[in-house]
Amino acid sequence: MNLRLLLDQNFPRPPGFDLASVDATVEAVHVYDHDRTLTEAGTPDWLIYLRAVEDGFDALVTRDWHQMDQPEE
């Protein structure tokens, strides 16, 4: 079973090495590389969450610690 991670737009893109060479069971995809339209200004985070689930990701990785302060999140 593989773990699919969607990296939020405020999270750095994967490092300059192939993540599969470290752990072949983990796939990390930056949201910009997955669907650039999700990085447009004004895209609500909840829409990114829904798309992540619809597209088969197991988790969204973000550095936005303020999301929990937003009622719609």
N, C-alpha and C. Protein backbone atom coordinates (compact mmCIF):
# COMPACT_ATOMS: atom_id res chain seq x y z
N MET A 1 0.84 -1.18 0.00
CA MET A 1 0.00 0.00 0.00
C MET A 1 0.88 1.24 0.00
N ASN A 2 0.61 2.15 -0.90
CA ASN A 2 1.38 3.39 -0.99
C ASN A 2 0.67 4.52 -0.26
N LEU A 3 1.45 5.46 0.21
CA LEU A 3 0.94 6.66 0.86
C LEU A 3 1.09 7.80 -0.12
N ARG A 4 -0.03 8.44 -0.47
CA ARG A 4 0.01 9.56 -1.41
C ARG A 4 -0.21 10.86 -0.65
N LEU A 5 0.74 11.77 -0.75
CA LEU A 5 0.69 13.05 -0.06
C LEU A 5 0.56 14.18 -1.08
N LEU A 6 -0.37 15.09 -0.83
CA LEU A 6 -0.50 16.29 -1.64
C LEU A 6 0.12 17.43 -0.85
N LEU A 7 1.12 18.09 -1.42
CA LEU A 7 1.80 19.18 -0.73
C LEU A 7 1.11 20.49 -1.07
N ASP A 8 0.67 21.22 -0.05
CA ASP A 8 -0.03 22.49 -0.22
C ASP A 8 0.89 23.52 -0.88
N GLN A 9 0.28 24.57 -1.43
CA GLN A 9 1.06 25.57 -2.16
C GLN A 9 2.05 26.31 -1.28
N ASN A 10 1.81 26.37 0.03
CA ASN A 10 2.77 27.05 0.91
C ASN A 10 3.86 26.11 1.41
N PHE A 11 3.82 24.88 0.94
CA PHE A 11 4.83 23.88 1.32
C PHE A 11 5.84 23.77 0.18
N PRO A 12 7.12 23.66 0.49
CA PRO A 12 8.12 23.58 -0.58
C PRO A 12 7.92 22.34 -1.46
N ARG A 13 8.29 22.48 -2.69
CA ARG A 13 8.24 21.33 -3.59
C ARG A 13 9.20 20.26 -3.09
N PRO A 14 8.98 19.01 -3.52
CA PRO A 14 9.89 17.95 -3.07
C PRO A 14 11.35 18.29 -3.34
N PRO A 15 12.22 17.81 -2.48
CA PRO A 15 13.65 18.14 -2.62
C PRO A 15 14.24 17.62 -3.92
N GLY A 16 15.48 17.95 -4.16
CA GLY A 16 16.15 17.61 -5.41
C GLY A 16 16.53 16.16 -5.56
N PHE A 17 15.96 15.28 -4.74
CA PHE A 17 16.23 13.86 -4.90
C PHE A 17 14.91 13.13 -5.10
N ASP A 18 14.99 11.94 -5.61
CA ASP A 18 13.81 11.14 -5.87
C ASP A 18 13.34 10.52 -4.56
N LEU A 19 12.18 10.91 -4.10
CA LEU A 19 11.65 10.40 -2.84
C LEU A 19 11.51 8.87 -2.86
N ALA A 20 11.21 8.32 -4.02
CA ALA A 20 11.07 6.86 -4.15
C ALA A 20 12.37 6.13 -3.83
N SER A 21 13.51 6.81 -4.00
CA SER A 21 14.78 6.16 -3.67
C SER A 21 14.97 6.03 -2.15
N VAL A 22 14.25 6.85 -1.39
CA VAL A 22 14.30 6.78 0.07
C VAL A 22 13.22 5.84 0.60
N ASP A 23 12.01 5.98 0.03
CA ASP A 23 10.89 5.14 0.45
C ASP A 23 9.94 4.99 -0.73
N ALA A 24 9.95 3.83 -1.32
CA ALA A 24 9.16 3.59 -2.53
C ALA A 24 7.67 3.57 -2.26
N THR A 25 7.26 3.55 -0.99
CA THR A 25 5.84 3.49 -0.67
C THR A 25 5.21 4.87 -0.48
N VAL A 26 6.01 5.93 -0.60
CA VAL A 26 5.51 7.29 -0.39
C VAL A 26 5.62 8.08 -1.70
N GLU A 27 4.50 8.71 -2.06
CA GLU A 27 4.48 9.59 -3.22
C GLU A 27 4.08 10.97 -2.74
N ALA A 28 4.88 11.98 -3.03
CA ALA A 28 4.57 13.36 -2.66
C ALA A 28 4.45 14.18 -3.94
N VAL A 29 3.28 14.83 -4.09
CA VAL A 29 3.01 15.63 -5.28
C VAL A 29 2.64 17.04 -4.83
N HIS A 30 3.31 18.03 -5.39
CA HIS A 30 2.98 19.41 -5.07
C HIS A 30 1.69 19.79 -5.77
N VAL A 31 0.83 20.55 -5.08
CA VAL A 31 -0.47 20.91 -5.64
C VAL A 31 -0.33 21.63 -6.99
N TYR A 32 0.72 22.41 -7.17
CA TYR A 32 0.95 23.10 -8.44
C TYR A 32 1.17 22.11 -9.57
N ASP A 33 1.88 21.05 -9.29
CA ASP A 33 2.14 20.02 -10.30
C ASP A 33 0.92 19.13 -10.54
N HIS A 34 0.08 19.01 -9.53
CA HIS A 34 -1.11 18.17 -9.64
C HIS A 34 -2.22 18.88 -10.42
N ASP A 35 -2.52 20.12 -10.03
CA ASP A 35 -3.57 20.91 -10.68
C ASP A 35 -3.31 22.38 -10.41
N ARG A 36 -2.74 23.05 -11.36
CA ARG A 36 -2.35 24.46 -11.18
C ARG A 36 -3.53 25.36 -10.84
N THR A 37 -4.72 24.99 -11.28
CA THR A 37 -5.88 25.85 -10.99
C THR A 37 -6.15 25.93 -9.49
N LEU A 38 -5.70 24.95 -8.73
CA LEU A 38 -5.90 24.98 -7.28
C LEU A 38 -4.98 25.97 -6.58
N THR A 39 -3.99 26.49 -7.28
CA THR A 39 -3.06 27.45 -6.67
C THR A 39 -3.44 28.89 -6.97
N GLU A 40 -4.53 29.10 -7.68
CA GLU A 40 -4.95 30.46 -8.00
C GLU A 40 -5.41 31.18 -6.73
N ALA A 41 -5.19 32.47 -6.71
CA ALA A 41 -5.60 33.28 -5.56
C ALA A 41 -7.10 33.12 -5.33
N GLY A 42 -7.46 32.98 -4.10
CA GLY A 42 -8.87 32.89 -3.75
C GLY A 42 -9.42 31.48 -3.70
N THR A 43 -8.62 30.47 -4.05
CA THR A 43 -9.11 29.09 -3.95
C THR A 43 -9.21 28.72 -2.47
N PRO A 44 -10.40 28.41 -2.00
CA PRO A 44 -10.53 28.07 -0.57
C PRO A 44 -9.86 26.74 -0.25
N ASP A 45 -9.31 26.66 0.94
CA ASP A 45 -8.62 25.44 1.36
C ASP A 45 -9.55 24.23 1.33
N TRP A 46 -10.82 24.42 1.69
CA TRP A 46 -11.74 23.28 1.72
C TRP A 46 -11.88 22.65 0.34
N LEU A 47 -11.77 23.46 -0.72
CA LEU A 47 -11.84 22.91 -2.07
C LEU A 47 -10.61 22.05 -2.37
N ILE A 48 -9.47 22.47 -1.89
CA ILE A 48 -8.25 21.67 -2.06
C ILE A 48 -8.38 20.36 -1.30
N TYR A 49 -8.96 20.39 -0.10
CA TYR A 49 -9.18 19.17 0.68
C TYR A 49 -10.07 18.19 -0.09
N LEU A 50 -11.16 18.72 -0.63
CA LEU A 50 -12.08 17.86 -1.38
C LEU A 50 -11.40 17.24 -2.59
N ARG A 51 -10.66 18.05 -3.33
CA ARG A 51 -9.96 17.53 -4.51
C ARG A 51 -8.93 16.49 -4.13
N ALA A 52 -8.25 16.70 -3.01
CA ALA A 52 -7.25 15.72 -2.56
C ALA A 52 -7.91 14.36 -2.33
N VAL A 53 -9.05 14.35 -1.68
CA VAL A 53 -9.76 13.10 -1.42
C VAL A 53 -10.25 12.50 -2.73
N GLU A 54 -10.88 13.34 -3.57
CA GLU A 54 -11.41 12.85 -4.85
C GLU A 54 -10.31 12.25 -5.73
N ASP A 55 -9.11 12.80 -5.64
CA ASP A 55 -8.01 12.37 -6.50
C ASP A 55 -7.15 11.28 -5.87
N GLY A 56 -7.59 10.75 -4.74
CA GLY A 56 -6.94 9.59 -4.16
C GLY A 56 -5.75 9.86 -3.25
N PHE A 57 -5.61 11.08 -2.76
CA PHE A 57 -4.52 11.37 -1.83
C PHE A 57 -4.94 10.96 -0.42
N ASP A 58 -3.95 10.55 0.36
CA ASP A 58 -4.21 10.12 1.74
C ASP A 58 -4.13 11.28 2.73
N ALA A 59 -3.37 12.31 2.38
CA ALA A 59 -3.20 13.44 3.29
C ALA A 59 -2.75 14.68 2.53
N LEU A 60 -3.03 15.82 3.13
CA LEU A 60 -2.56 17.10 2.62
C LEU A 60 -1.51 17.62 3.60
N VAL A 61 -0.34 17.96 3.11
CA VAL A 61 0.74 18.46 3.95
C VAL A 61 0.80 19.97 3.76
N THR A 62 0.73 20.72 4.86
CA THR A 62 0.72 22.17 4.78
C THR A 62 1.54 22.77 5.92
N ARG A 63 1.93 24.01 5.73
CA ARG A 63 2.61 24.76 6.80
C ARG A 63 1.72 25.89 7.30
N ASP A 64 0.46 25.89 6.89
CA ASP A 64 -0.48 26.94 7.28
C ASP A 64 -1.12 26.59 8.61
N TRP A 65 -0.54 27.04 9.70
CA TRP A 65 -1.04 26.71 11.03
C TRP A 65 -2.28 27.52 11.39
N HIS A 66 -2.65 28.48 10.54
CA HIS A 66 -3.83 29.30 10.81
C HIS A 66 -5.12 28.66 10.30
N GLN A 67 -5.02 27.55 9.61
CA GLN A 67 -6.22 26.92 9.07
C GLN A 67 -7.21 26.54 10.16
N MET A 68 -6.71 26.12 11.28
CA MET A 68 -7.61 25.71 12.37
C MET A 68 -8.36 26.90 12.99
N ASP A 69 -7.90 28.12 12.74
CA ASP A 69 -8.55 29.31 13.25
C ASP A 69 -9.67 29.80 12.33
N GLN A 70 -9.80 29.18 11.17
CA GLN A 70 -10.81 29.60 10.19
C GLN A 70 -12.01 28.65 10.29
N PRO A 71 -13.19 29.18 10.59
CA PRO A 71 -14.37 28.32 10.84
C PRO A 71 -14.68 27.35 9.70
N GLU A 72 -14.51 27.77 8.46
CA GLU A 72 -14.84 26.91 7.34
C GLU A 72 -13.83 25.80 7.13
N GLU A 73 -12.70 25.87 7.80
CA GLU A 73 -11.67 24.84 7.66
C GLU A 73 -12.01 23.69 8.57
